[in-house]
PDB file of N, CA and C in Angstrom:
ATOM      1  N   MET A   1     191.693 143.467 -75.845  1.00  0.00           N
ATOM      2  CA  MET A   1     191.355 142.474 -74.846  1.00  0.00           C
ATOM      3  C   MET A   1     191.933 141.130 -75.312  1.00  0.00           C
ATOM      4  N   PRO A   2     192.616 140.385 -74.410  1.00  0.00           N
ATOM      5  CA  PRO A   2     193.189 139.098 -74.816  1.00  0.00           C
ATOM      6  C   PRO A   2     192.101 138.069 -75.086  1.00  0.00           C
ATOM      7  N   ARG A   3     192.394 137.190 -76.009  1.00  0.00           N
ATOM      8  CA  ARG A   3     191.451 136.115 -76.320  1.00  0.00           C
ATOM      9  C   ARG A   3     191.545 135.017 -75.285  1.00  0.00           C
ATOM     10  N   ARG A   4     190.454 134.390 -75.028  1.00  0.00           N
ATOM     11  CA  ARG A   4     190.428 133.256 -74.106  1.00  0.00           C
ATOM     12  C   ARG A   4     190.247 131.992 -74.913  1.00  0.00           C
ATOM     13  N   ARG A   5     190.954 130.970 -74.514  1.00  0.00           N
ATOM     14  CA  ARG A   5     190.811 129.678 -75.154  1.00  0.00           C
ATOM     15  C   ARG A   5     189.539 129.026 -74.647  1.00  0.00           C
ATOM     16  N   PRO A   6     188.739 128.456 -75.553  1.00  0.00           N
ATOM     17  CA  PRO A   6     187.502 127.809 -75.075  1.00  0.00           C
ATOM     18  C   PRO A   6     187.832 126.603 -74.209  1.00  0.00           C
ATOM     19  N   PRO A   7     186.988 126.295 -73.233  1.00  0.00           N
ATOM     20  CA  PRO A   7     187.264 125.135 -72.373  1.00  0.00           C
ATOM     21  C   PRO A   7     187.269 123.849 -73.198  1.00  0.00           C
ATOM     22  N   ARG A   8     188.177 122.960 -72.845  1.00  0.00           N
ATOM     23  CA  ARG A   8     188.313 121.678 -73.529  1.00  0.00           C
ATOM     24  C   ARG A   8     187.278 120.704 -72.962  1.00  0.00           C
ATOM     25  N   PRO A   9     186.484 120.073 -73.817  1.00  0.00           N
ATOM     26  CA  PRO A   9     185.534 119.081 -73.300  1.00  0.00           C
ATOM     27  C   PRO A   9     186.272 117.900 -72.674  1.00  0.00           C
ATOM     28  N   LYS A  10     185.690 117.320 -71.648  1.00  0.00           N
ATOM     29  CA  LYS A  10     186.342 116.220 -70.942  1.00  0.00           C
ATOM     30  C   LYS A  10     186.536 114.996 -71.826  1.00  0.00           C
ATOM     31  N   ASP A  11     185.678 114.804 -72.790  1.00  0.00           N
ATOM     32  CA  ASP A  11     185.796 113.633 -73.649  1.00  0.00           C
ATOM     33  C   ASP A  11     186.462 113.962 -74.989  1.00  0.00           C
ATOM     34  N   SER A  12     187.335 114.964 -74.992  1.00  0.00           N
ATOM     35  CA  SER A  12     187.948 115.404 -76.237  1.00  0.00           C
ATOM     36  C   SER A  12     189.007 114.434 -76.754  1.00  0.00           C
ATOM     37  N   GLY A  13     189.430 113.487 -75.948  1.00  0.00           N
ATOM     38  CA  GLY A  13     190.471 112.552 -76.373  1.00  0.00           C
ATOM     39  C   GLY A  13     191.871 113.086 -76.143  1.00  0.00           C
ATOM     40  N   ILE A  14     191.991 114.321 -75.685  1.00  0.00           N
ATOM     41  CA  ILE A  14     193.295 114.897 -75.385  1.00  0.00           C
ATOM     42  C   ILE A  14     193.663 114.504 -73.967  1.00  0.00           C
ATOM     43  N   PRO A  15     194.809 113.825 -73.785  1.00  0.00           N
ATOM     44  CA  PRO A  15     195.167 113.375 -72.438  1.00  0.00           C
ATOM     45  C   PRO A  15     195.487 114.558 -71.529  1.00  0.00           C
ATOM     46  N   PRO A  16     195.260 114.402 -70.229  1.00  0.00           N
ATOM     47  CA  PRO A  16     195.602 115.483 -69.292  1.00  0.00           C
ATOM     48  C   PRO A  16     197.111 115.659 -69.227  1.00  0.00           C
ATOM     49  N   LEU A  17     197.525 116.813 -68.759  1.00  0.00           N
ATOM     50  CA  LEU A  17     198.956 117.077 -68.615  1.00  0.00           C
ATOM     51  C   LEU A  17     199.571 116.110 -67.614  1.00  0.00           C
ATOM     52  N   PRO A  18     200.771 115.610 -67.892  1.00  0.00           N
ATOM     53  CA  PRO A  18     201.414 114.704 -66.935  1.00  0.00           C
ATOM     54  C   PRO A  18     201.847 115.467 -65.684  1.00  0.00           C
ATOM     55  N   LEU A  19     201.909 114.741 -64.587  1.00  0.00           N
ATOM     56  CA  LEU A  19     202.356 115.351 -63.341  1.00  0.00           C
ATOM     57  C   LEU A  19     203.857 115.570 -63.403  1.00  0.00           C
ATOM     58  N   GLN A  20     204.312 116.651 -62.819  1.00  0.00           N
ATOM     59  CA  GLN A  20     205.731 116.977 -62.816  1.00  0.00           C
ATOM     60  C   GLN A  20     206.454 116.101 -61.793  1.00  0.00           C
ATOM     61  N   ARG A  21     207.535 115.421 -62.236  1.00  0.00           N
ATOM     62  CA  ARG A  21     208.282 114.506 -61.362  1.00  0.00           C
ATOM     63  C   ARG A  21     209.744 114.904 -61.352  1.00  0.00           C
ATOM     64  N   ARG A  22     210.377 114.670 -60.205  1.00  0.00           N
ATOM     65  CA  ARG A  22     211.816 114.911 -60.094  1.00  0.00           C
ATOM     66  C   ARG A  22     212.366 114.031 -58.985  1.00  0.00           C
ATOM     67  N   VAL A  23     213.666 113.820 -58.981  1.00  0.00           N
ATOM     68  CA  VAL A  23     214.324 113.057 -57.929  1.00  0.00           C
ATOM     69  C   VAL A  23     215.230 114.009 -57.165  1.00  0.00           C
ATOM     70  N   GLU A  24     215.113 114.006 -55.838  1.00  0.00           N
ATOM     71  CA  GLU A  24     215.930 114.857 -54.974  1.00  0.00           C
ATOM     72  C   GLU A  24     216.680 113.991 -53.984  1.00  0.00           C
ATOM     73  N   SER A  25     217.905 114.397 -53.671  1.00  0.00           N
ATOM     74  CA  SER A  25     218.698 113.712 -52.653  1.00  0.00           C
ATOM     75  C   SER A  25     218.417 114.346 -51.305  1.00  0.00           C
ATOM     76  N   GLY A  26     218.202 113.502 -50.310  1.00  0.00           N
ATOM     77  CA  GLY A  26     217.940 113.999 -48.970  1.00  0.00           C
ATOM     78  C   GLY A  26     219.200 114.011 -48.120  1.00  0.00           C
ATOM     79  N   ALA A  27     219.170 114.739 -47.027  1.00  0.00           N
ATOM     80  CA  ALA A  27     220.305 114.801 -46.110  1.00  0.00           C
ATOM     81  C   ALA A  27     220.546 113.458 -45.436  1.00  0.00           C
ATOM     82  N   ASP A  28     219.540 112.575 -45.461  1.00  0.00           N
ATOM     83  CA  ASP A  28     219.665 111.254 -44.850  1.00  0.00           C
ATOM     84  C   ASP A  28     220.345 110.249 -45.780  1.00  0.00           C
ATOM     85  N   GLY A  29     220.750 110.693 -46.987  1.00  0.00           N
ATOM     86  CA  GLY A  29     221.441 109.808 -47.910  1.00  0.00           C
ATOM     87  C   GLY A  29     220.539 109.072 -48.882  1.00  0.00           C
ATOM     88  N   PHE A  30     219.233 109.228 -48.758  1.00  0.00           N
ATOM     89  CA  PHE A  30     218.287 108.564 -49.655  1.00  0.00           C
ATOM     90  C   PHE A  30     217.888 109.519 -50.777  1.00  0.00           C
ATOM     91  N   ASP A  31     217.525 108.940 -51.915  1.00  0.00           N
ATOM     92  CA  ASP A  31     216.948 109.714 -53.005  1.00  0.00           C
ATOM     93  C   ASP A  31     215.435 109.599 -52.908  1.00  0.00           C
ATOM     94  N   TYR A  32     214.749 110.705 -53.153  1.00  0.00           N
ATOM     95  CA  TYR A  32     213.292 110.741 -53.075  1.00  0.00           C
ATOM     96  C   TYR A  32     212.714 111.184 -54.398  1.00  0.00           C
ATOM     97  N   GLU A  33     211.668 110.501 -54.842  1.00  0.00           N
ATOM     98  CA  GLU A  33     210.924 110.966 -55.994  1.00  0.00           C
ATOM     99  C   GLU A  33     209.869 111.930 -55.486  1.00  0.00           C
ATOM    100  N   VAL A  34     209.824 113.088 -56.101  1.00  0.00           N
ATOM    101  CA  VAL A  34     208.914 114.150 -55.683  1.00  0.00           C
ATOM    102  C   VAL A  34     207.992 114.455 -56.856  1.00  0.00           C
ATOM    103  N   ARG A  35     206.712 114.376 -56.627  1.00  0.00           N
ATOM    104  CA  ARG A  35     205.737 114.636 -57.681  1.00  0.00           C
ATOM    105  C   ARG A  35     204.852 115.801 -57.255  1.00  0.00           C
ATOM    106  N   SER A  36     204.814 116.836 -58.074  1.00  0.00           N
ATOM    107  CA  SER A  36     203.957 117.989 -57.795  1.00  0.00           C
ATOM    108  C   SER A  36     202.512 117.634 -58.105  1.00  0.00           C
ATOM    109  N   ILE A  37     201.635 117.945 -57.177  1.00  0.00           N
ATOM    110  CA  ILE A  37     200.208 117.708 -57.347  1.00  0.00           C
ATOM    111  C   ILE A  37     199.538 119.077 -57.484  1.00  0.00           C
ATOM    112  N   PRO A  38     199.045 119.416 -58.681  1.00  0.00           N
ATOM    113  CA  PRO A  38     198.387 120.719 -58.837  1.00  0.00           C
ATOM    114  C   PRO A  38     197.053 120.755 -58.096  1.00  0.00           C
ATOM    115  N   ALA A  39     196.596 121.951 -57.813  1.00  0.00           N
ATOM    116  CA  ALA A  39     195.357 122.120 -57.038  1.00  0.00           C
ATOM    117  C   ALA A  39     194.170 121.420 -57.689  1.00  0.00           C
ATOM    118  N   ALA A  40     194.116 121.421 -59.008  1.00  0.00           N
ATOM    119  CA  ALA A  40     192.982 120.801 -59.699  1.00  0.00           C
ATOM    120  C   ALA A  40     192.947 119.288 -59.509  1.00  0.00           C
ATOM    121  N   ARG A  41     194.091 118.678 -59.219  1.00  0.00           N
ATOM    122  CA  ARG A  41     194.142 117.219 -59.025  1.00  0.00           C
ATOM    123  C   ARG A  41     194.170 116.817 -57.552  1.00  0.00           C
ATOM    124  N   ALA A  42     194.213 117.773 -56.677  1.00  0.00           N
ATOM    125  CA  ALA A  42     194.237 117.487 -55.237  1.00  0.00           C
ATOM    126  C   ALA A  42     192.803 117.299 -54.765  1.00  0.00           C
ATOM    127  N   VAL A  43     192.357 116.044 -54.743  1.00  0.00           N
ATOM    128  CA  VAL A  43     190.945 115.774 -54.459  1.00  0.00           C
ATOM    129  C   VAL A  43     190.698 115.158 -53.084  1.00  0.00           C
ATOM    130  N   LYS A  44     191.754 114.852 -52.348  1.00  0.00           N
ATOM    131  CA  LYS A  44     191.602 114.254 -51.019  1.00  0.00           C
ATOM    132  C   LYS A  44     192.297 115.125 -49.986  1.00  0.00           C
ATOM    133  N   THR A  45     191.985 114.899 -48.736  1.00  0.00           N
ATOM    134  CA  THR A  45     192.644 115.592 -47.635  1.00  0.00           C
ATOM    135  C   THR A  45     193.720 114.678 -47.062  1.00  0.00           C
ATOM    136  N   TYR A  46     194.914 115.237 -46.847  1.00  0.00           N
ATOM    137  CA  TYR A  46     196.047 114.502 -46.282  1.00  0.00           C
ATOM    138  C   TYR A  46     196.581 115.255 -45.075  1.00  0.00           C
ATOM    139  N   ARG A  47     197.432 114.604 -44.296  1.00  0.00           N
ATOM    140  CA  ARG A  47     198.102 115.256 -43.184  1.00  0.00           C
ATOM    141  C   ARG A  47     199.579 115.352 -43.511  1.00  0.00           C
ATOM    142  N   CYS A  48     200.117 116.568 -43.513  1.00  0.00           N
ATOM    143  CA  CYS A  48     201.515 116.822 -43.851  1.00  0.00           C
ATOM    144  C   CYS A  48     202.413 116.338 -42.715  1.00  0.00           C
ATOM    145  N   PRO A  49     203.427 115.494 -43.012  1.00  0.00           N
ATOM    146  CA  PRO A  49     204.331 115.044 -41.949  1.00  0.00           C
ATOM    147  C   PRO A  49     205.299 116.127 -41.494  1.00  0.00           C
ATOM    148  N   GLY A  50     205.406 117.211 -42.237  1.00  0.00           N
ATOM    149  CA  GLY A  50     206.317 118.288 -41.853  1.00  0.00           C
ATOM    150  C   GLY A  50     205.762 119.188 -40.772  1.00  0.00           C
ATOM    151  N   CYS A  51     204.476 119.514 -40.869  1.00  0.00           N
ATOM    152  CA  CYS A  51     203.875 120.445 -39.912  1.00  0.00           C
ATOM    153  C   CYS A  51     202.710 119.837 -39.144  1.00  0.00           C
ATOM    154  N   ASP A  52     202.278 118.638 -39.541  1.00  0.00           N
ATOM    155  CA  ASP A  52     201.167 117.927 -38.925  1.00  0.00           C
ATOM    156  C   ASP A  52     199.832 118.656 -39.104  1.00  0.00           C
ATOM    157  N   HIS A  53     199.726 119.516 -40.111  1.00  0.00           N
ATOM    158  CA  HIS A  53     198.463 120.167 -40.440  1.00  0.00           C
ATOM    159  C   HIS A  53     197.861 119.490 -41.659  1.00  0.00           C
ATOM    160  N   GLU A  54     196.583 119.694 -41.866  1.00  0.00           N
ATOM    161  CA  GLU A  54     195.902 119.101 -43.018  1.00  0.00           C
ATOM    162  C   GLU A  54     196.294 119.792 -44.315  1.00  0.00           C
ATOM    163  N   ILE A  55     196.370 119.003 -45.372  1.00  0.00           N
ATOM    164  CA  ILE A  55     196.450 119.519 -46.737  1.00  0.00           C
ATOM    165  C   ILE A  55     195.058 119.248 -47.300  1.00  0.00           C
ATOM    166  N   ARG A  56     194.266 120.258 -47.406  1.00  0.00           N
ATOM    167  CA  ARG A  56     192.875 120.085 -47.828  1.00  0.00           C
ATOM    168  C   ARG A  56     192.779 119.887 -49.334  1.00  0.00           C
ATOM    169  N   SER A  57     191.692 119.309 -49.767  1.00  0.00           N
ATOM    170  CA  SER A  57     191.481 119.128 -51.196  1.00  0.00           C
ATOM    171  C   SER A  57     191.463 120.504 -51.869  1.00  0.00           C
ATOM    172  N   GLY A  58     192.008 120.548 -53.074  1.00  0.00           N
ATOM    173  CA  GLY A  58     192.093 121.804 -53.814  1.00  0.00           C
ATOM    174  C   GLY A  58     193.346 122.613 -53.522  1.00  0.00           C
ATOM    175  N   VAL A  59     194.261 122.081 -52.691  1.00  0.00           N
ATOM    176  CA  VAL A  59     195.504 122.777 -52.367  1.00  0.00           C
ATOM    177  C   VAL A  59     196.666 122.057 -53.056  1.00  0.00           C
ATOM    178  N   ALA A  60     197.435 122.792 -53.844  1.00  0.00           N
ATOM    179  CA  ALA A  60     198.603 122.211 -54.505  1.00  0.00           C
ATOM    180  C   ALA A  60     199.620 121.776 -53.455  1.00  0.00           C
ATOM    181  N   HIS A  61     200.281 120.629 -53.688  1.00  0.00           N
ATOM    182  CA  HIS A  61     201.260 120.101 -52.751  1.00  0.00           C
ATOM    183  C   HIS A  61     202.167 119.120 -53.488  1.00  0.00           C
ATOM    184  N   VAL A  62     203.006 118.380 -52.765  1.00  0.00           N
ATOM    185  CA  VAL A  62     203.867 117.375 -53.378  1.00  0.00           C
ATOM    186  C   VAL A  62     203.630 116.026 -52.718  1.00  0.00           C
ATOM    187  N   ALA A  63     203.764 114.961 -53.516  1.00  0.00           N
ATOM    188  CA  ALA A  63     203.748 113.592 -53.008  1.00  0.00           C
ATOM    189  C   ALA A  63     205.182 113.082 -53.105  1.00  0.00           C
ATOM    190  N   VAL A  64     205.674 112.450 -52.035  1.00  0.00           N
ATOM    191  CA  VAL A  64     207.086 112.071 -51.942  1.00  0.00           C
ATOM    192  C   VAL A  64     207.213 110.627 -51.501  1.00  0.00           C
ATOM    193  N   TRP A  65     208.169 109.902 -52.107  1.00  0.00           N
ATOM    194  CA  TRP A  65     208.492 108.548 -51.675  1.00  0.00           C
ATOM    195  C   TRP A  65     209.938 108.257 -52.037  1.00  0.00           C
ATOM    196  N   ARG A  66     210.509 107.250 -51.379  1.00  0.00           N
ATOM    197  CA  ARG A  66     211.899 106.880 -51.660  1.00  0.00           C
ATOM    198  C   ARG A  66     212.010 106.328 -53.071  1.00  0.00           C
ATOM    199  N   ALA A  67     212.949 106.850 -53.817  1.00  0.00           N
ATOM    200  CA  ALA A  67     213.106 106.476 -55.224  1.00  0.00           C
ATOM    201  C   ALA A  67     213.702 105.089 -55.380  1.00  0.00           C
ATOM    202  N   ASP A  68     214.488 104.641 -54.426  1.00  0.00           N
ATOM    203  CA  ASP A  68     215.206 103.369 -54.576  1.00  0.00           C
ATOM    204  C   ASP A  68     214.393 102.155 -54.139  1.00  0.00           C
ATOM    205  N   ASP A  69     213.184 102.347 -53.657  1.00  0.00           N
ATOM    206  CA  ASP A  69     212.378 101.228 -53.169  1.00  0.00           C
ATOM    207  C   ASP A  69     211.464 100.624 -54.226  1.00  0.00           C
ATOM    208  N   GLY A  70     211.473 101.149 -55.448  1.00  0.00           N
ATOM    209  CA  GLY A  70     210.653 100.587 -56.515  1.00  0.00           C
ATOM    210  C   GLY A  70     209.170 100.810 -56.284  1.00  0.00           C
ATOM    211  N   GLU A  71     208.370  99.900 -56.813  1.00  0.00           N
ATOM    212  CA  GLU A  71     206.913 100.026 -56.732  1.00  0.00           C
ATOM    213  C   GLU A  71     206.394  99.925 -55.296  1.00  0.00           C
ATOM    214  N   ALA A  72     207.093  99.204 -54.437  1.00  0.00           N
ATOM    215  CA  ALA A  72     206.649  99.070 -53.042  1.00  0.00           C
ATOM    216  C   ALA A  72     206.672 100.423 -52.334  1.00  0.00           C
ATOM    217  N   ALA A  73     207.500 101.341 -52.797  1.00  0.00           N
ATOM    218  CA  ALA A  73     207.606 102.647 -52.156  1.00  0.00           C
ATOM    219  C   ALA A  73     206.336 103.470 -52.327  1.00  0.00           C
ATOM    220  N   LEU A  74     205.562 103.183 -53.361  1.00  0.00           N
ATOM    221  CA  LEU A  74     204.326 103.938 -53.560  1.00  0.00           C
ATOM    222  C   LEU A  74     203.374 103.784 -52.381  1.00  0.00           C
ATOM    223  N   ASP A  75     203.434 102.652 -51.702  1.00  0.00           N
ATOM    224  CA  ASP A  75     202.602 102.463 -50.509  1.00  0.00           C
ATOM    225  C   ASP A  75     203.071 103.338 -49.356  1.00  0.00           C
ATOM    226  N   ASP A  76     204.336 103.762 -49.396  1.00  0.00           N
ATOM    227  CA  ASP A  76     204.904 104.584 -48.328  1.00  0.00           C
ATOM    228  C   ASP A  76     204.972 106.063 -48.689  1.00  0.00           C
ATOM    229  N   ARG A  77     204.320 106.474 -49.769  1.00  0.00           N
ATOM    230  CA  ARG A  77     204.392 107.884 -50.167  1.00  0.00           C
ATOM    231  C   ARG A  77     203.678 108.746 -49.146  1.00  0.00           C
ATOM    232  N   ARG A  78     204.166 109.951 -49.018  1.00  0.00           N
ATOM    233  CA  ARG A  78     203.590 110.927 -48.096  1.00  0.00           C
ATOM    234  C   ARG A  78     203.304 112.204 -48.864  1.00  0.00           C
ATOM    235  N   HIS A  79     202.246 112.878 -48.484  1.00  0.00           N
ATOM    236  CA  HIS A  79     201.873 114.139 -49.112  1.00  0.00           C
ATOM    237  C   HIS A  79     202.309 115.269 -48.189  1.00  0.00           C
ATOM    238  N   TRP A  80     203.077 116.206 -48.729  1.00  0.00           N
ATOM    239  CA  TRP A  80     203.651 117.324 -47.982  1.00  0.00           C
ATOM    240  C   TRP A  80     203.164 118.639 -48.570  1.00  0.00           C
ATOM    241  N   HIS A  81     203.016 119.665 -47.726  1.00  0.00           N
ATOM    242  CA  HIS A  81     202.916 121.021 -48.254  1.00  0.00           C
ATOM    243  C   HIS A  81     204.218 121.285 -48.998  1.00  0.00           C
ATOM    244  N   THR A  82     204.161 122.000 -50.085  1.00  0.00           N
ATOM    245  CA  THR A  82     205.359 122.270 -50.874  1.00  0.00           C
ATOM    246  C   THR A  82     206.407 122.993 -50.032  1.00  0.00           C
ATOM    247  N   ALA A  83     206.010 123.969 -49.243  1.00  0.00           N
ATOM    248  CA  ALA A  83     206.957 124.710 -48.404  1.00  0.00           C
ATOM    249  C   ALA A  83     207.541 123.828 -47.299  1.00  0.00           C
ATOM    250  N   CYS A  84     206.741 122.945 -46.725  1.00  0.00           N
ATOM    251  CA  CYS A  84     207.246 122.042 -45.682  1.00  0.00           C
ATOM    252  C   CYS A  84     208.317 121.114 -46.258  1.00  0.00           C
ATOM    253  N   TRP A  85     208.085 120.591 -47.471  1.00  0.00           N
ATOM    254  CA  TRP A  85     209.077 119.722 -48.097  1.00  0.00           C
ATOM    255  C   TRP A  85     210.358 120.501 -48.393  1.00  0.00           C
ATOM    256  N   ALA A  86     210.230 121.715 -48.888  1.00  0.00           N
ATOM    257  CA  ALA A  86     211.401 122.526 -49.219  1.00  0.00           C
ATOM    258  C   ALA A  86     212.222 122.871 -47.973  1.00  0.00           C
ATOM    259  N   ASN A  87     211.568 122.985 -46.820  1.00  0.00           N
ATOM    260  CA  ASN A  87     212.257 123.382 -45.581  1.00  0.00           C
ATOM    261  C   ASN A  87     212.445 122.227 -44.617  1.00  0.00           C
ATOM    262  N   ARG A  88     212.347 120.993 -45.091  1.00  0.00           N
ATOM    263  CA  ARG A  88     212.422 119.836 -44.197  1.00  0.00           C
ATOM    264  C   ARG A  88     213.770 119.708 -43.496  1.00  0.00           C
ATOM    265  N   ALA A  89     214.839 120.228 -44.086  1.00  0.00           N
ATOM    266  CA  ALA A  89     216.166 120.129 -43.470  1.00  0.00           C
ATOM    267  C   ALA A  89     216.289 121.029 -42.242  1.00  0.00           C
ATOM    268  N   ASN A  90     215.399 121.991 -42.119  1.00  0.00           N
ATOM    269  CA  ASN A  90     215.465 122.938 -40.999  1.00  0.00           C
ATOM    270  C   ASN A  90     214.798 122.433 -39.734  1.00  0.00           C
ATOM    271  N   ARG A  91     214.046 121.331 -39.852  1.00  0.00           N
ATOM    272  CA  ARG A  91     213.384 120.777 -38.671  1.00  0.00           C
ATOM    273  C   ARG A  91     213.091 119.306 -38.895  1.00  0.00           C
ATOM    274  N   GLU A  92     212.798 118.622 -37.827  1.00  0.00           N
ATOM    275  CA  GLU A  92     212.449 117.203 -37.897  1.00  0.00           C
ATOM    276  C   GLU A  92     210.981 117.054 -38.259  1.00  0.00           C
ATOM    277  N   PRO A  93     210.628 115.986 -38.953  1.00  0.00           N
ATOM    278  CA  PRO A  93     209.200 115.764 -39.219  1.00  0.00           C
ATOM    279  C   PRO A  93     208.438 115.559 -37.920  1.00  0.00           C
ATOM    280  N   THR A  94     207.182 115.962 -37.912  1.00  0.00           N
ATOM    281  CA  THR A  94     206.367 115.793 -36.717  1.00  0.00           C
ATOM    282  C   THR A  94     205.807 114.381 -36.637  1.00  0.00           C
ATOM    283  N   ARG A  95     205.818 113.654 -37.749  1.00  0.00           N
ATOM    284  CA  ARG A  95     205.319 112.278 -37.795  1.00  0.00           C
ATOM    285  C   ARG A  95     206.412 111.377 -38.322  1.00  0.00           C
ATOM    286  N   LYS A  96     206.417 110.161 -37.842  1.00  0.00           N
ATOM    287  CA  LYS A  96     207.422 109.206 -38.287  1.00  0.00           C
ATOM    288  C   LYS A  96     207.218 108.878 -39.753  1.00  0.00           C
ATOM    289  N   TRP A  97     208.314 108.823 -40.515  1.00  0.00           N
ATOM    290  CA  TRP A  97     208.233 108.605 -41.974  1.00  0.00           C
ATOM    291  C   TRP A  97     207.691 107.237 -42.308  1.00  0.00           C
ATOM    292  N   SER A  98     208.206 106.190 -41.685  1.00  0.00           N
ATOM    293  CA  SER A  98     207.749 104.840 -42.068  1.00  0.00           C
ATOM    294  C   SER A  98     207.068 104.125 -40.919  1.00  0.00           C
TER     295      SER A  98
END
């Protein structure tokens, strides 16, 4: 039987794992910073601009914003279902980006 690692106490002083980040080029000519949000960190409900359905808390997804806009772009970030973001070139967003 495989061994299980004991759960880490919240106050152990070990920092949480960093969120995975990457920069992707879009068909519109802009670069986008894409950050994966794991299910354990998804604590709010958002509306996906790709399909216009809710991304409920506890569902892994991605947060996306224009990479070239600096810190101001964080105010314009959008939360997408991972599959909707991956297939965004196949259809237009249901909601206006900005």
